[in-house]
Amino acid sequence: MGCIAIWSMVLFAALRIHSQAAFWMLAAVIAIVLGGTQAVSRAIMSRMIPEGQSAKYFGFFHLSGKATSFLGPFLFGVIVAVTGSSRLAIFGLLPLFLIGGFLLARVKLEQKH
């Protein structure tokens, strides 16, 4: 949930970038959060997989990621086409993060001892 919150803040910050230095600072934050998001998603997935079925579940995990990877760029492109603004388009990705956070909040992980 922390990664999703940071991604949401990145979108708000992207609206206010007007210098090259600010762009590179935001790019550094994105690089850190992107790696963290990927690591956390794999760790959560590994905790949810039944014993001995990791290949099947991780295969589905990767397939679903590839199958839905068009959503962000598609939404971005539609918003640019309608508004003519890439600043508004990047902010338009917020609903994807909110939906992800809503779904993630419903995931219950058992405590392993």
N, C-alpha and C. Protein backbone atom coordinates (compact mmCIF):
# COMPACT_ATOMS: atom_id res chain seq x y z
N MET A 1 0.84 -1.19 0.00
CA MET A 1 0.00 0.00 0.00
C MET A 1 0.88 1.25 0.00
N GLY A 2 2.04 1.15 0.63
CA GLY A 2 2.96 2.28 0.62
C GLY A 2 3.44 2.62 -0.78
N CYS A 3 3.74 1.59 -1.58
CA CYS A 3 4.17 1.82 -2.96
C CYS A 3 3.07 2.50 -3.77
N ILE A 4 1.83 2.07 -3.58
CA ILE A 4 0.72 2.67 -4.31
C ILE A 4 0.55 4.13 -3.89
N ALA A 5 0.72 4.41 -2.61
CA ALA A 5 0.63 5.79 -2.14
C ALA A 5 1.73 6.65 -2.75
N ILE A 6 2.94 6.12 -2.81
CA ILE A 6 4.04 6.88 -3.40
C ILE A 6 3.81 7.09 -4.89
N TRP A 7 3.32 6.06 -5.61
CA TRP A 7 3.00 6.22 -7.03
C TRP A 7 1.97 7.32 -7.22
N SER A 8 0.98 7.36 -6.36
CA SER A 8 -0.05 8.40 -6.46
C SER A 8 0.55 9.79 -6.25
N MET A 9 1.46 9.91 -5.28
CA MET A 9 2.12 11.19 -5.04
C MET A 9 3.01 11.58 -6.23
N VAL A 10 3.62 10.59 -6.87
CA VAL A 10 4.44 10.85 -8.06
C VAL A 10 3.59 11.48 -9.15
N LEU A 11 2.37 10.99 -9.31
CA LEU A 11 1.49 11.56 -10.34
C LEU A 11 1.17 13.02 -10.04
N PHE A 12 0.88 13.33 -8.78
CA PHE A 12 0.62 14.72 -8.41
C PHE A 12 1.86 15.59 -8.63
N ALA A 13 3.03 15.04 -8.27
CA ALA A 13 4.28 15.79 -8.45
C ALA A 13 4.57 16.03 -9.93
N ALA A 14 4.21 15.08 -10.78
CA ALA A 14 4.47 15.23 -12.22
C ALA A 14 3.71 16.41 -12.80
N LEU A 15 2.60 16.77 -12.20
CA LEU A 15 1.84 17.93 -12.67
C LEU A 15 2.59 19.24 -12.46
N ARG A 16 3.50 19.24 -11.49
CA ARG A 16 4.17 20.49 -11.11
C ARG A 16 5.61 20.59 -11.60
N ILE A 17 6.06 19.65 -12.39
CA ILE A 17 7.45 19.68 -12.85
C ILE A 17 7.59 20.70 -13.97
N HIS A 18 8.56 21.61 -13.77
CA HIS A 18 8.83 22.63 -14.79
C HIS A 18 10.32 22.82 -15.03
N SER A 19 11.15 21.99 -14.39
CA SER A 19 12.59 22.13 -14.61
C SER A 19 13.21 20.75 -14.83
N GLN A 20 14.37 20.78 -15.45
CA GLN A 20 15.08 19.53 -15.72
C GLN A 20 15.51 18.86 -14.42
N ALA A 21 15.95 19.65 -13.44
CA ALA A 21 16.38 19.08 -12.16
C ALA A 21 15.22 18.37 -11.46
N ALA A 22 14.04 18.97 -11.46
CA ALA A 22 12.88 18.35 -10.84
C ALA A 22 12.50 17.07 -11.57
N PHE A 23 12.63 17.09 -12.89
CA PHE A 23 12.34 15.89 -13.69
C PHE A 23 13.24 14.74 -13.26
N TRP A 24 14.54 15.01 -13.13
CA TRP A 24 15.48 13.95 -12.77
C TRP A 24 15.28 13.48 -11.34
N MET A 25 14.89 14.37 -10.44
CA MET A 25 14.59 13.96 -9.06
C MET A 25 13.37 13.04 -9.03
N LEU A 26 12.35 13.40 -9.79
CA LEU A 26 11.16 12.55 -9.85
C LEU A 26 11.49 11.21 -10.52
N ALA A 27 12.35 11.24 -11.52
CA ALA A 27 12.77 10.00 -12.18
C ALA A 27 13.48 9.07 -11.19
N ALA A 28 14.29 9.63 -10.30
CA ALA A 28 14.96 8.82 -9.28
C ALA A 28 13.96 8.18 -8.32
N VAL A 29 12.97 8.95 -7.92
CA VAL A 29 11.91 8.40 -7.05
C VAL A 29 11.18 7.27 -7.77
N ILE A 30 10.86 7.48 -9.03
CA ILE A 30 10.16 6.46 -9.81
C ILE A 30 11.01 5.19 -9.90
N ALA A 31 12.30 5.34 -10.12
CA ALA A 31 13.19 4.17 -10.22
C ALA A 31 13.18 3.37 -8.92
N ILE A 32 13.20 4.04 -7.81
CA ILE A 32 13.18 3.36 -6.50
C ILE A 32 11.84 2.67 -6.27
N VAL A 33 10.76 3.37 -6.54
CA VAL A 33 9.44 2.82 -6.29
C VAL A 33 9.11 1.69 -7.26
N LEU A 34 9.56 1.80 -8.49
CA LEU A 34 9.29 0.75 -9.48
C LEU A 34 9.91 -0.57 -9.04
N GLY A 35 11.16 -0.53 -8.63
CA GLY A 35 11.82 -1.75 -8.15
C GLY A 35 11.17 -2.29 -6.89
N GLY A 36 10.81 -1.40 -5.98
CA GLY A 36 10.15 -1.82 -4.75
C GLY A 36 8.79 -2.43 -5.01
N THR A 37 8.05 -1.84 -5.93
CA THR A 37 6.72 -2.36 -6.26
C THR A 37 6.83 -3.77 -6.82
N GLN A 38 7.77 -3.98 -7.72
CA GLN A 38 7.95 -5.30 -8.31
C GLN A 38 8.36 -6.32 -7.24
N ALA A 39 9.28 -5.95 -6.37
CA ALA A 39 9.74 -6.87 -5.33
C ALA A 39 8.61 -7.21 -4.36
N VAL A 40 7.84 -6.22 -3.96
CA VAL A 40 6.74 -6.46 -3.02
C VAL A 40 5.66 -7.32 -3.66
N SER A 41 5.34 -7.06 -4.92
CA SER A 41 4.30 -7.86 -5.57
C SER A 41 4.72 -9.33 -5.67
N ARG A 42 5.97 -9.60 -5.97
CA ARG A 42 6.44 -10.99 -6.03
C ARG A 42 6.44 -11.63 -4.65
N ALA A 43 6.84 -10.87 -3.63
CA ALA A 43 6.86 -11.42 -2.28
C ALA A 43 5.45 -11.76 -1.80
N ILE A 44 4.51 -10.88 -2.06
CA ILE A 44 3.12 -11.15 -1.66
C ILE A 44 2.60 -12.37 -2.41
N MET A 45 2.88 -12.42 -3.70
CA MET A 45 2.43 -13.56 -4.51
C MET A 45 3.01 -14.86 -3.98
N SER A 46 4.29 -14.87 -3.63
CA SER A 46 4.91 -16.10 -3.15
C SER A 46 4.31 -16.56 -1.83
N ARG A 47 3.82 -15.65 -1.03
CA ARG A 47 3.19 -16.03 0.24
C ARG A 47 1.79 -16.60 0.03
N MET A 48 1.17 -16.28 -1.09
CA MET A 48 -0.19 -16.74 -1.35
C MET A 48 -0.25 -18.07 -2.09
N ILE A 49 0.85 -18.51 -2.67
CA ILE A 49 0.87 -19.71 -3.51
C ILE A 49 0.88 -20.97 -2.64
N PRO A 50 -0.02 -21.93 -2.96
CA PRO A 50 0.03 -23.21 -2.24
C PRO A 50 1.36 -23.93 -2.48
N GLU A 51 1.79 -24.70 -1.53
CA GLU A 51 3.05 -25.42 -1.59
C GLU A 51 3.11 -26.29 -2.85
N GLY A 52 4.22 -26.19 -3.58
CA GLY A 52 4.45 -27.03 -4.75
C GLY A 52 3.77 -26.57 -6.03
N GLN A 53 3.13 -25.40 -6.02
CA GLN A 53 2.43 -24.93 -7.21
C GLN A 53 2.94 -23.58 -7.69
N SER A 54 4.17 -23.26 -7.36
CA SER A 54 4.69 -21.93 -7.69
C SER A 54 4.80 -21.70 -9.19
N ALA A 55 5.19 -22.71 -9.98
CA ALA A 55 5.34 -22.52 -11.43
C ALA A 55 4.00 -22.13 -12.05
N LYS A 56 2.96 -22.81 -11.67
CA LYS A 56 1.63 -22.53 -12.24
C LYS A 56 1.16 -21.13 -11.87
N TYR A 57 1.29 -20.76 -10.60
CA TYR A 57 0.79 -19.47 -10.17
C TYR A 57 1.65 -18.31 -10.65
N PHE A 58 2.97 -18.48 -10.66
CA PHE A 58 3.81 -17.40 -11.17
C PHE A 58 3.66 -17.27 -12.68
N GLY A 59 3.39 -18.37 -13.38
CA GLY A 59 3.10 -18.29 -14.81
C GLY A 59 1.87 -17.45 -15.06
N PHE A 60 0.82 -17.68 -14.27
CA PHE A 60 -0.40 -16.89 -14.40
C PHE A 60 -0.15 -15.43 -14.01
N PHE A 61 0.66 -15.22 -12.99
CA PHE A 61 1.02 -13.88 -12.52
C PHE A 61 1.68 -13.09 -13.66
N HIS A 62 2.63 -13.71 -14.33
CA HIS A 62 3.34 -13.04 -15.43
C HIS A 62 2.43 -12.85 -16.64
N LEU A 63 1.60 -13.84 -16.95
CA LEU A 63 0.68 -13.73 -18.07
C LEU A 63 -0.32 -12.60 -17.84
N SER A 64 -0.85 -12.51 -16.63
CA SER A 64 -1.83 -11.44 -16.35
C SER A 64 -1.17 -10.07 -16.42
N GLY A 65 0.09 -9.98 -16.01
CA GLY A 65 0.81 -8.71 -16.13
C GLY A 65 1.01 -8.30 -17.57
N LYS A 66 1.38 -9.26 -18.40
CA LYS A 66 1.57 -8.97 -19.83
C LYS A 66 0.23 -8.63 -20.50
N ALA A 67 -0.82 -9.36 -20.12
CA ALA A 67 -2.12 -9.16 -20.76
C ALA A 67 -2.75 -7.81 -20.42
N THR A 68 -2.40 -7.25 -19.28
CA THR A 68 -2.99 -5.98 -18.87
C THR A 68 -2.03 -4.80 -19.02
N SER A 69 -0.82 -5.04 -19.51
CA SER A 69 0.18 -3.98 -19.59
C SER A 69 -0.18 -2.88 -20.59
N PHE A 70 -1.17 -3.11 -21.41
CA PHE A 70 -1.59 -2.10 -22.38
C PHE A 70 -2.48 -1.04 -21.74
N LEU A 71 -3.06 -1.32 -20.58
CA LEU A 71 -4.05 -0.40 -20.00
C LEU A 71 -3.49 0.99 -19.72
N GLY A 72 -2.34 1.07 -19.08
CA GLY A 72 -1.76 2.38 -18.77
C GLY A 72 -1.45 3.20 -20.01
N PRO A 73 -0.68 2.64 -20.96
CA PRO A 73 -0.40 3.40 -22.18
C PRO A 73 -1.66 3.74 -22.98
N PHE A 74 -2.63 2.83 -23.01
CA PHE A 74 -3.88 3.11 -23.73
C PHE A 74 -4.62 4.28 -23.09
N LEU A 75 -4.75 4.24 -21.76
CA LEU A 75 -5.43 5.32 -21.06
C LEU A 75 -4.70 6.64 -21.25
N PHE A 76 -3.38 6.60 -21.15
CA PHE A 76 -2.56 7.79 -21.37
C PHE A 76 -2.82 8.36 -22.76
N GLY A 77 -2.77 7.50 -23.77
CA GLY A 77 -2.98 7.94 -25.15
C GLY A 77 -4.36 8.51 -25.39
N VAL A 78 -5.38 7.92 -24.81
CA VAL A 78 -6.74 8.43 -24.96
C VAL A 78 -6.86 9.82 -24.36
N ILE A 79 -6.28 10.00 -23.17
CA ILE A 79 -6.37 11.30 -22.52
C ILE A 79 -5.60 12.37 -23.29
N VAL A 80 -4.43 12.02 -23.83
CA VAL A 80 -3.67 12.97 -24.65
C VAL A 80 -4.48 13.33 -25.89
N ALA A 81 -5.09 12.33 -26.51
CA ALA A 81 -5.88 12.58 -27.72
C ALA A 81 -7.07 13.50 -27.44
N VAL A 82 -7.68 13.34 -26.29
CA VAL A 82 -8.86 14.14 -25.96
C VAL A 82 -8.49 15.53 -25.46
N THR A 83 -7.45 15.62 -24.61
CA THR A 83 -7.12 16.90 -23.98
C THR A 83 -5.94 17.61 -24.63
N GLY A 84 -5.07 16.87 -25.30
CA GLY A 84 -3.86 17.45 -25.87
C GLY A 84 -2.79 17.70 -24.83
N SER A 85 -2.97 17.21 -23.61
CA SER A 85 -2.03 17.47 -22.52
C SER A 85 -1.47 16.17 -21.95
N SER A 86 -0.15 16.02 -22.02
CA SER A 86 0.46 14.84 -21.41
C SER A 86 0.50 14.97 -19.88
N ARG A 87 0.46 16.21 -19.38
CA ARG A 87 0.40 16.39 -17.92
C ARG A 87 -0.90 15.83 -17.36
N LEU A 88 -2.00 16.13 -18.00
CA LEU A 88 -3.27 15.58 -17.56
C LEU A 88 -3.33 14.07 -17.78
N ALA A 89 -2.70 13.61 -18.85
CA ALA A 89 -2.72 12.19 -19.16
C ALA A 89 -2.01 11.38 -18.10
N ILE A 90 -0.88 11.87 -17.62
CA ILE A 90 -0.16 11.10 -16.59
C ILE A 90 -0.96 11.07 -15.29
N PHE A 91 -1.67 12.15 -15.02
CA PHE A 91 -2.52 12.17 -13.83
C PHE A 91 -3.71 11.23 -14.00
N GLY A 92 -4.09 10.97 -15.24
CA GLY A 92 -5.20 10.07 -15.52
C GLY A 92 -4.92 8.62 -15.16
N LEU A 93 -3.66 8.31 -14.83
CA LEU A 93 -3.32 6.96 -14.41
C LEU A 93 -3.71 6.70 -12.96
N LEU A 94 -4.08 7.75 -12.24
CA LEU A 94 -4.46 7.61 -10.83
C LEU A 94 -5.55 6.57 -10.61
N PRO A 95 -6.60 6.51 -11.44
CA PRO A 95 -7.62 5.48 -11.19
C PRO A 95 -7.07 4.06 -11.18
N LEU A 96 -6.05 3.78 -11.99
CA LEU A 96 -5.46 2.44 -11.98
C LEU A 96 -4.81 2.15 -10.63
N PHE A 97 -4.13 3.14 -10.05
CA PHE A 97 -3.52 2.94 -8.74
C PHE A 97 -4.59 2.80 -7.66
N LEU A 98 -5.65 3.57 -7.76
CA LEU A 98 -6.72 3.48 -6.77
C LEU A 98 -7.43 2.12 -6.83
N ILE A 99 -7.67 1.63 -8.03
CA ILE A 99 -8.28 0.31 -8.18
C ILE A 99 -7.34 -0.76 -7.62
N GLY A 100 -6.06 -0.65 -7.92
CA GLY A 100 -5.08 -1.60 -7.39
C GLY A 100 -5.03 -1.57 -5.87
N GLY A 101 -5.07 -0.38 -5.29
CA GLY A 101 -5.07 -0.26 -3.83
C GLY A 101 -6.33 -0.85 -3.22
N PHE A 102 -7.48 -0.62 -3.87
CA PHE A 102 -8.74 -1.18 -3.39
C PHE A 102 -8.68 -2.71 -3.39
N LEU A 103 -8.19 -3.28 -4.48
CA LEU A 103 -8.09 -4.75 -4.56
C LEU A 103 -7.06 -5.29 -3.57
N LEU A 104 -5.94 -4.60 -3.44
CA LEU A 104 -4.90 -5.04 -2.52
C LEU A 104 -5.37 -5.01 -1.07
N ALA A 105 -6.19 -4.03 -0.72
CA ALA A 105 -6.70 -3.94 0.65
C ALA A 105 -7.56 -5.14 1.01
N ARG A 106 -8.09 -5.82 0.03
CA ARG A 106 -8.93 -7.00 0.27
C ARG A 106 -8.13 -8.29 0.42
N VAL A 107 -6.82 -8.24 0.15
CA VAL A 107 -5.98 -9.44 0.25
C VAL A 107 -5.61 -9.66 1.71
N LYS A 108 -5.89 -10.86 2.18
CA LYS A 108 -5.55 -11.23 3.56
C LYS A 108 -4.45 -12.29 3.52
N LEU A 109 -3.31 -11.95 4.08
CA LEU A 109 -2.20 -12.88 4.13
C LEU A 109 -2.13 -13.51 5.51
N GLU A 110 -1.96 -14.84 5.51
CA GLU A 110 -1.80 -15.53 6.77
C GLU A 110 -0.40 -15.29 7.30
N GLN A 111 -0.28 -15.17 8.62
CA GLN A 111 1.03 -15.01 9.24
C GLN A 111 1.74 -16.35 9.29
N LYS A 112 2.95 -16.42 8.74
CA LYS A 112 3.75 -17.64 8.80
C LYS A 112 4.65 -17.58 10.03
N HIS A 113 4.70 -18.66 10.72
CA HIS A 113 5.51 -18.68 11.95
C HIS A 113 6.76 -19.47 11.75
